[in-house]
């Protein structure tokens, strides 16, 4: 019941904050529509394209509710690599009264089905705790989309905004997911300390390695869209902080829970021995986590790694390119922050564990 009340409280408080923002953004959006291809009006090989690439003129029926609902329009497929078929659903935008362009394909159904499966599995396995986690996830998404990103786009300091966003996300996601208890409170403070350490390390090594934050294609687009407005180096650091935040939840809560369960199992354990025993589990946690993080970052950067693999250049040369050094520093700094979270959370849990915890039932602690 406490979890539900906390979740409702945070939802109520921040609903009013984000409602005006959502409405304002909707009013300023260009006219976009969804439509279904009902006919291929023209299909031919264009001499300007490579062999086998087709030019298409398509007839679509607008399926979005609004002023054009049900109307038929014609658009041209300007991407010769893609061949559309009757029944395909497309996103289109209106350039003027009679001119429309294809923005992309509609993928709502696939994403919705996958999301429903995800929610079902979370609730099936985790029950009410899963519901708290889903509410926390939704809150994190709202904070990122309607607080962190707009504030950074306005030219505010990305590091400060990322920290403020984290301060909102941490308690609002930890308590509904794990309950209002000493374990969760220890995890909250441990996460904040680990974030501070991670932010310091990231700031130091981003400056030490002379990273500009402009290595990615997305950063170049942002510079064009917001010339001179964004602190790209700060944006890089903010990304490291937000990226680490998601994994810290698992680490800090797990270690705090381990300390509690060890104290329940053996109330006679002294603080020193309790710390040592909890860290034995923490060592396994760190070992598995390091390998996981490397594989996750490598998987996310696989296209980039393939490009440099084909270049057949020496490793000592490749690591000096900013686009590679950026990923290496992001990976290592994030990993160091996560590793340090293990002893930090274990130490705080040992300090704040109460002797009466050993007399409490497992259900009460959970």
Protein backbone atom coordinates (compact mmCIF):
# COMPACT_ATOMS: atom_id res chain seq x y z
CA UNK A 1 0.00 0.00 0.00
CA UNK A 2 2.86 2.40 0.80
CA UNK A 3 4.35 1.79 -2.62
CA UNK A 4 1.06 2.57 -4.34
CA UNK A 5 0.52 5.75 -2.33
CA UNK A 6 4.03 6.98 -3.08
CA UNK A 7 3.60 6.25 -6.77
CA UNK A 8 0.26 8.11 -6.86
CA UNK A 9 1.81 11.06 -5.02
CA UNK A 10 4.68 11.46 -7.48
CA UNK A 11 2.36 10.96 -10.44
CA UNK A 12 0.02 13.68 -9.12
CA UNK A 13 2.79 16.17 -8.35
CA UNK A 14 4.58 15.91 -11.66
CA UNK A 15 1.50 15.47 -13.84
CA UNK A 16 0.69 19.15 -13.45
CA UNK A 17 4.30 20.10 -14.18
CA UNK A 18 4.50 18.20 -17.43
CA UNK A 19 0.95 18.74 -18.74
CA UNK A 20 1.57 22.32 -19.89
CA UNK A 21 4.87 21.33 -21.44
CA UNK A 22 3.26 18.52 -23.43
CA UNK A 23 0.46 20.77 -24.63
CA UNK A 24 2.86 23.51 -25.69
CA UNK A 25 4.98 21.08 -27.67
CA UNK A 26 1.96 19.59 -29.41
CA UNK A 27 0.79 23.02 -30.58
CA UNK A 28 4.13 23.83 -32.16
CA UNK A 29 4.52 20.57 -34.07
CA UNK A 30 4.38 20.62 -37.91
CA UNK A 31 1.51 18.82 -39.59
CA UNK A 32 2.30 15.13 -39.67
CA UNK A 33 -0.02 12.36 -40.79
CA UNK A 34 -0.16 8.60 -41.08
CA UNK A 35 -1.41 6.90 -44.20
CA UNK A 36 -1.78 3.48 -45.79
CA UNK A 37 -0.59 2.76 -49.33
CA UNK A 38 -3.64 1.88 -51.43
CA UNK A 39 -2.07 1.88 -54.88
CA UNK A 40 1.29 2.00 -56.67
CA UNK A 41 0.71 4.74 -59.23
CA UNK A 42 4.10 4.47 -60.91
CA UNK A 43 7.06 2.16 -60.64
CA UNK A 44 10.11 2.33 -62.85
CA UNK A 45 13.88 2.17 -62.88
CA UNK A 46 15.39 5.63 -62.90
CA UNK A 47 18.57 6.32 -64.81
CA UNK A 48 19.87 8.39 -61.93
CA UNK A 49 19.78 5.40 -59.61
CA UNK A 50 21.91 2.29 -59.47
CA UNK A 51 20.82 -0.87 -61.23
CA UNK A 52 17.90 -2.58 -59.56
CA UNK A 53 16.80 0.53 -57.63
CA UNK A 54 13.25 1.66 -58.27
CA UNK A 55 11.39 4.94 -58.34
CA UNK A 56 7.83 4.84 -56.98
CA UNK A 57 4.86 7.15 -56.96
CA UNK A 58 2.38 6.06 -54.31
CA UNK A 59 -1.26 6.71 -53.49
CA UNK A 60 -2.01 6.86 -49.76
CA UNK A 61 -5.20 7.15 -47.76
CA UNK A 62 -4.80 9.34 -44.68
CA UNK A 63 -5.65 7.34 -41.55
CA UNK A 64 -4.80 10.00 -38.93
CA UNK A 65 -7.76 11.73 -37.35
CA UNK A 66 -7.98 15.35 -38.42
CA UNK A 67 -8.77 17.59 -41.34
CA UNK A 68 -7.40 15.18 -43.96
CA UNK A 69 -8.82 11.93 -42.56
CA UNK A 70 -9.89 9.57 -45.35
CA UNK A 71 -8.47 11.69 -48.16
CA UNK A 72 -6.24 10.22 -50.85
CA UNK A 73 -2.90 11.85 -51.61
CA UNK A 74 0.09 10.98 -53.78
CA UNK A 75 3.72 10.96 -52.65
CA UNK A 76 7.01 9.99 -54.26
CA UNK A 77 9.44 7.52 -52.77
CA UNK A 78 12.71 9.47 -52.84
CA UNK A 79 14.71 6.66 -51.27
CA UNK A 80 15.51 4.17 -54.08
CA UNK A 81 16.82 1.61 -51.59
CA UNK A 82 13.28 0.95 -50.30
CA UNK A 83 10.44 -0.56 -52.30
CA UNK A 84 7.03 -0.04 -50.70
CA UNK A 85 4.03 -2.29 -51.23
CA UNK A 86 0.27 -1.86 -51.06
CA UNK A 87 -0.85 -2.00 -47.42
CA UNK A 88 2.36 -0.52 -45.98
CA UNK A 89 1.74 2.21 -43.41
CA UNK A 90 3.81 5.39 -43.68
CA UNK A 91 4.40 8.58 -41.73
CA UNK A 92 4.21 11.64 -43.95
CA UNK A 93 4.54 15.37 -43.41
CA UNK A 94 2.92 18.20 -45.32
CA UNK A 95 5.27 20.73 -46.95
CA UNK A 96 2.48 22.87 -48.42
CA UNK A 97 -1.16 22.50 -49.41
CA UNK A 98 -0.55 19.87 -52.09
CA UNK A 99 2.95 18.58 -51.39
CA UNK A 100 3.65 15.68 -49.06
CA UNK A 101 6.85 13.78 -48.26
CA UNK A 102 7.52 10.39 -46.69
CA UNK A 103 9.07 10.72 -43.23
CA UNK A 104 9.37 7.02 -42.34
CA UNK A 105 7.40 3.83 -41.90
CA UNK A 106 4.84 3.35 -39.12
CA UNK A 107 6.25 0.95 -36.53
CA UNK A 108 3.70 1.54 -33.78
CA UNK A 109 2.21 -1.96 -33.84
CA UNK A 110 5.55 -3.74 -33.50
CA UNK A 111 6.68 -1.44 -30.70
CA UNK A 112 3.34 -1.69 -28.90
CA UNK A 113 3.30 -5.50 -29.01
CA UNK A 114 6.85 -5.68 -27.68
CA UNK A 115 6.02 -3.18 -24.93
CA UNK A 116 2.94 -5.17 -23.88
CA UNK A 117 5.04 -8.36 -23.69
CA UNK A 118 7.58 -6.51 -21.57
CA UNK A 119 4.91 -5.22 -19.13
CA UNK A 120 3.29 -8.66 -18.94
CA UNK A 121 6.58 -10.37 -18.09
CA UNK A 122 7.47 -7.76 -15.44
CA UNK A 123 4.08 -8.08 -13.73
CA UNK A 124 4.03 -11.88 -14.06
CA UNK A 125 7.41 -12.35 -12.42
CA UNK A 126 7.62 -9.38 -10.01
CA UNK A 127 3.95 -8.80 -9.14
CA UNK A 128 3.45 -5.55 -7.16
CA UNK A 129 7.15 -4.73 -7.13
CA UNK A 130 7.06 -4.93 -10.90
CA UNK A 131 4.24 -2.38 -10.94
CA UNK A 132 6.35 -0.02 -8.84
CA UNK A 133 9.27 -0.49 -11.23
CA UNK A 134 7.07 0.29 -14.24
CA UNK A 135 5.81 3.46 -12.58
CA UNK A 136 9.38 4.44 -11.79
CA UNK A 137 10.42 3.79 -15.37
CA UNK A 138 7.57 5.96 -16.66
CA UNK A 139 8.58 8.75 -14.26
CA UNK A 140 12.23 8.56 -15.39
CA UNK A 141 11.10 8.82 -19.01
CA UNK A 142 9.01 11.92 -18.21
CA UNK A 143 11.88 13.60 -16.38
CA UNK A 144 14.28 12.97 -19.27
CA UNK A 145 11.88 14.01 -22.04
CA UNK A 146 10.16 16.95 -20.37
CA UNK A 147 12.81 18.29 -18.00
CA UNK A 148 16.37 17.26 -18.86
CA UNK A 149 16.21 17.54 -22.65
CA UNK A 150 14.25 20.84 -22.85
CA UNK A 151 16.44 22.48 -20.20
CA UNK A 152 19.63 21.46 -22.01
CA UNK A 153 18.15 22.64 -25.33
CA UNK A 154 17.54 26.05 -23.73
CA UNK A 155 21.29 26.38 -23.15
CA UNK A 156 21.43 25.49 -19.44
CA UNK A 157 24.46 23.70 -18.03
CA UNK A 158 24.02 20.02 -19.05
CA UNK A 159 25.89 18.76 -15.98
CA UNK A 160 23.72 20.71 -13.55
CA UNK A 161 20.54 19.64 -15.35
CA UNK A 162 21.63 15.99 -15.35
CA UNK A 163 22.31 16.14 -11.61
CA UNK A 164 18.97 17.83 -10.88
CA UNK A 165 17.20 15.27 -13.05
CA UNK A 166 18.96 12.47 -11.21
CA UNK A 167 17.88 13.92 -7.85
CA UNK A 168 14.28 13.71 -9.03
CA UNK A 169 14.61 10.26 -10.58
CA UNK A 170 16.44 8.44 -7.77
CA UNK A 171 13.93 8.69 -4.88
CA UNK A 172 10.90 8.63 -7.17
CA UNK A 173 11.99 5.34 -8.75
CA UNK A 174 13.73 3.59 -5.85
CA UNK A 175 10.97 3.84 -3.25
CA UNK A 176 8.02 2.64 -5.40
CA UNK A 177 10.15 -0.25 -6.66
CA UNK A 178 11.78 -1.37 -3.41
CA UNK A 179 9.58 0.02 -0.66
CA UNK A 180 10.06 2.65 2.05
CA UNK A 181 12.64 1.07 4.32
CA UNK A 182 16.22 1.38 5.50
CA UNK A 183 17.51 -0.76 2.65
CA UNK A 184 16.12 1.58 -0.01
CA UNK A 185 17.29 4.69 1.82
CA UNK A 186 20.82 3.31 1.98
CA UNK A 187 20.60 2.56 -1.75
CA UNK A 188 19.46 6.14 -2.48
CA UNK A 189 22.38 7.73 -0.64
CA UNK A 190 24.84 5.20 -2.07
CA UNK A 191 23.65 6.00 -5.57
CA UNK A 192 24.06 9.74 -5.02
CA UNK A 193 27.63 9.26 -3.74
CA UNK A 194 28.53 6.96 -6.63
CA UNK A 195 27.11 9.50 -9.09
CA UNK A 196 29.25 12.26 -7.59
CA UNK A 197 32.38 10.13 -7.94
CA UNK A 198 31.44 9.18 -11.50
CA UNK A 199 30.79 12.81 -12.41
CA UNK A 200 34.16 13.89 -11.02
CA UNK A 201 36.03 11.15 -12.88
CA UNK A 202 34.19 11.86 -16.11
CA UNK A 203 34.86 15.60 -15.87
CA UNK A 204 38.56 15.04 -15.15
CA UNK A 205 39.22 12.54 -17.95
CA UNK A 206 37.09 14.34 -20.54
CA UNK A 207 39.29 17.39 -19.98
CA UNK A 208 42.49 15.35 -19.61
CA UNK A 209 41.85 13.55 -22.91
CA UNK A 210 40.82 16.86 -24.53
CA UNK A 211 37.48 15.57 -25.75
CA UNK A 212 35.27 18.18 -27.40
CA UNK A 213 31.98 16.26 -27.40
CA UNK A 214 31.70 16.84 -31.17
CA UNK A 215 32.80 13.43 -32.40
CA UNK A 216 29.37 12.01 -33.20
CA UNK A 217 27.13 12.84 -36.13
CA UNK A 218 24.33 13.74 -33.71
CA UNK A 219 26.58 16.33 -32.03
CA UNK A 220 27.20 17.92 -35.43
CA UNK A 221 23.46 18.17 -36.06
CA UNK A 222 22.96 19.78 -32.64
CA UNK A 223 25.62 22.36 -33.39
CA UNK A 224 23.78 23.28 -36.58
CA UNK A 225 20.39 23.39 -34.86
CA UNK A 226 21.62 25.29 -31.77
CA UNK A 227 24.74 27.20 -32.90
CA UNK A 228 26.78 28.31 -29.90
CA UNK A 229 23.99 27.45 -27.47
CA UNK A 230 24.94 23.99 -26.21
CA UNK A 231 27.95 23.01 -24.13
CA UNK A 232 28.88 19.84 -26.03
CA UNK A 233 31.56 18.78 -23.55
CA UNK A 234 29.06 19.17 -20.72
CA UNK A 235 26.51 17.23 -22.75
CA UNK A 236 28.98 14.36 -23.04
CA UNK A 237 29.46 14.35 -19.26
CA UNK A 238 25.71 14.52 -18.65
CA UNK A 239 25.27 11.46 -20.84
CA UNK A 240 27.74 9.51 -18.71
CA UNK A 241 25.87 10.46 -15.52
CA UNK A 242 22.45 9.49 -16.88
CA UNK A 243 23.80 6.25 -18.36
CA UNK A 244 25.33 5.12 -15.06
CA UNK A 245 22.23 6.00 -13.06
CA UNK A 246 20.17 3.15 -14.47
CA UNK A 247 22.62 0.43 -13.44
CA UNK A 248 23.33 1.86 -9.99
CA UNK A 249 19.83 0.93 -8.86
CA UNK A 250 20.58 -2.77 -9.21
CA UNK A 251 23.98 -2.58 -7.52
CA UNK A 252 23.16 -0.44 -4.50
CA UNK A 253 19.86 -2.12 -3.67
CA UNK A 254 21.39 -5.59 -4.04
CA UNK A 255 24.29 -4.85 -1.70
CA UNK A 256 22.06 -3.21 0.90
CA UNK A 257 19.73 -6.20 0.75
CA UNK A 258 22.65 -8.63 1.15
CA UNK A 259 23.77 -6.85 4.32
CA UNK A 260 20.26 -7.01 5.77
CA UNK A 261 19.81 -10.69 4.99
CA UNK A 262 23.20 -11.58 6.47
CA UNK A 263 22.27 -9.73 9.67
CA UNK A 264 18.94 -11.57 9.81
CA UNK A 265 20.65 -14.93 9.30
CA UNK A 266 23.24 -14.24 11.99
CA UNK A 267 22.43 -11.35 14.38
CA UNK A 268 25.76 -11.87 16.16
CA UNK A 269 27.82 -10.68 13.17
CA UNK A 270 29.93 -7.62 13.99
CA UNK A 271 30.19 -4.70 11.57
CA UNK A 272 33.63 -5.70 10.24
CA UNK A 273 32.70 -9.31 9.57
CA UNK A 274 29.35 -8.26 8.12
CA UNK A 275 31.13 -5.97 5.65
CA UNK A 276 33.62 -8.68 4.65
CA UNK A 277 30.90 -11.28 4.05
CA UNK A 278 28.75 -8.85 2.04
CA UNK A 279 31.75 -7.85 -0.06
CA UNK A 280 32.38 -11.52 -0.92
CA UNK A 281 29.08 -11.41 -2.77
CA UNK A 282 29.96 -7.95 -4.06
CA UNK A 283 33.14 -9.32 -5.66
CA UNK A 284 31.05 -11.72 -7.73
CA UNK A 285 28.72 -8.87 -8.58
CA UNK A 286 31.63 -6.75 -9.84
CA UNK A 287 33.16 -9.61 -11.83
CA UNK A 288 29.99 -10.32 -13.75
CA UNK A 289 29.13 -6.63 -14.16
CA UNK A 290 32.45 -5.62 -15.76
CA UNK A 291 32.12 -8.19 -18.52
CA UNK A 292 28.47 -7.26 -19.03
CA UNK A 293 29.23 -3.56 -19.39
CA UNK A 294 32.01 -4.13 -21.91
CA UNK A 295 29.75 -6.31 -24.04
CA UNK A 296 26.87 -3.82 -23.80
CA UNK A 297 29.02 -0.89 -24.91
CA UNK A 298 30.69 -2.99 -27.62
CA UNK A 299 27.29 -4.08 -28.93
CA UNK A 300 26.04 -0.49 -29.04
CA UNK A 301 29.19 0.63 -30.90
CA UNK A 302 29.46 -2.39 -33.21
CA UNK A 303 29.00 -0.46 -36.50
CA UNK A 304 31.68 2.01 -35.41
CA UNK A 305 34.07 -0.79 -34.44
CA UNK A 306 33.51 -2.49 -37.79
CA UNK A 307 34.46 0.68 -39.63
CA UNK A 308 37.79 0.88 -37.84
CA UNK A 309 38.33 -2.86 -38.18
CA UNK A 310 38.11 -2.54 -41.97
CA UNK A 311 40.48 0.42 -41.94
CA UNK A 312 43.36 -1.93 -40.94
CA UNK A 313 45.08 0.77 -38.89
CA UNK A 314 47.23 0.11 -35.80
CA UNK A 315 45.39 -0.02 -32.48
CA UNK A 316 47.65 2.69 -31.03
CA UNK A 317 46.45 5.01 -33.78
CA UNK A 318 42.78 4.11 -33.65
CA UNK A 319 42.36 4.79 -29.91
CA UNK A 320 43.52 8.38 -30.40
CA UNK A 321 40.60 9.29 -32.61
CA UNK A 322 38.06 11.18 -30.52
CA UNK A 323 35.13 9.09 -31.66
CA UNK A 324 36.86 5.99 -30.23
CA UNK A 325 38.40 7.68 -27.18
CA UNK A 326 34.96 9.03 -26.36
CA UNK A 327 33.49 5.52 -26.11
CA UNK A 328 36.49 4.16 -24.18
CA UNK A 329 36.32 6.91 -21.55
CA UNK A 330 32.54 6.60 -21.32
CA UNK A 331 32.85 2.83 -20.76
CA UNK A 332 35.72 2.94 -18.27
CA UNK A 333 34.46 5.88 -16.22
CA UNK A 334 30.99 4.38 -16.01
CA UNK A 335 32.43 1.02 -15.00
CA UNK A 336 34.61 2.57 -12.29
CA UNK A 337 31.59 4.39 -10.86
CA UNK A 338 29.59 1.17 -10.79
CA UNK A 339 32.43 -0.78 -9.20
CA UNK A 340 32.86 1.83 -6.46
CA UNK A 341 29.13 1.69 -5.78
CA UNK A 342 29.58 -1.83 -4.36
CA UNK A 343 31.84 -0.95 -1.40
CA UNK A 344 30.04 2.38 -0.88
CA UNK A 345 26.60 0.79 -0.57
CA UNK A 346 27.94 -2.10 1.49
CA UNK A 347 29.70 0.26 3.92
CA UNK A 348 26.64 2.48 4.37
CA UNK A 349 24.36 -0.53 4.81
CA UNK A 350 26.63 -1.95 7.53
CA UNK A 351 26.69 1.41 9.35
CA UNK A 352 22.94 1.92 9.30
CA UNK A 353 21.80 -1.64 9.87
CA UNK A 354 19.92 -1.80 13.15
CA UNK A 355 20.11 -4.62 15.67
CA UNK A 356 16.33 -4.85 15.63
CA UNK A 357 16.48 -5.81 11.94
CA UNK A 358 17.37 -9.33 12.98
CA UNK A 359 14.02 -9.67 14.79
CA UNK A 360 11.97 -8.46 11.82
CA UNK A 361 10.37 -10.91 9.46
CA UNK A 362 11.45 -11.18 5.89
CA UNK A 363 8.02 -10.02 4.72
CA UNK A 364 8.20 -6.86 6.79
CA UNK A 365 11.62 -5.96 5.43
CA UNK A 366 10.52 -6.56 1.86
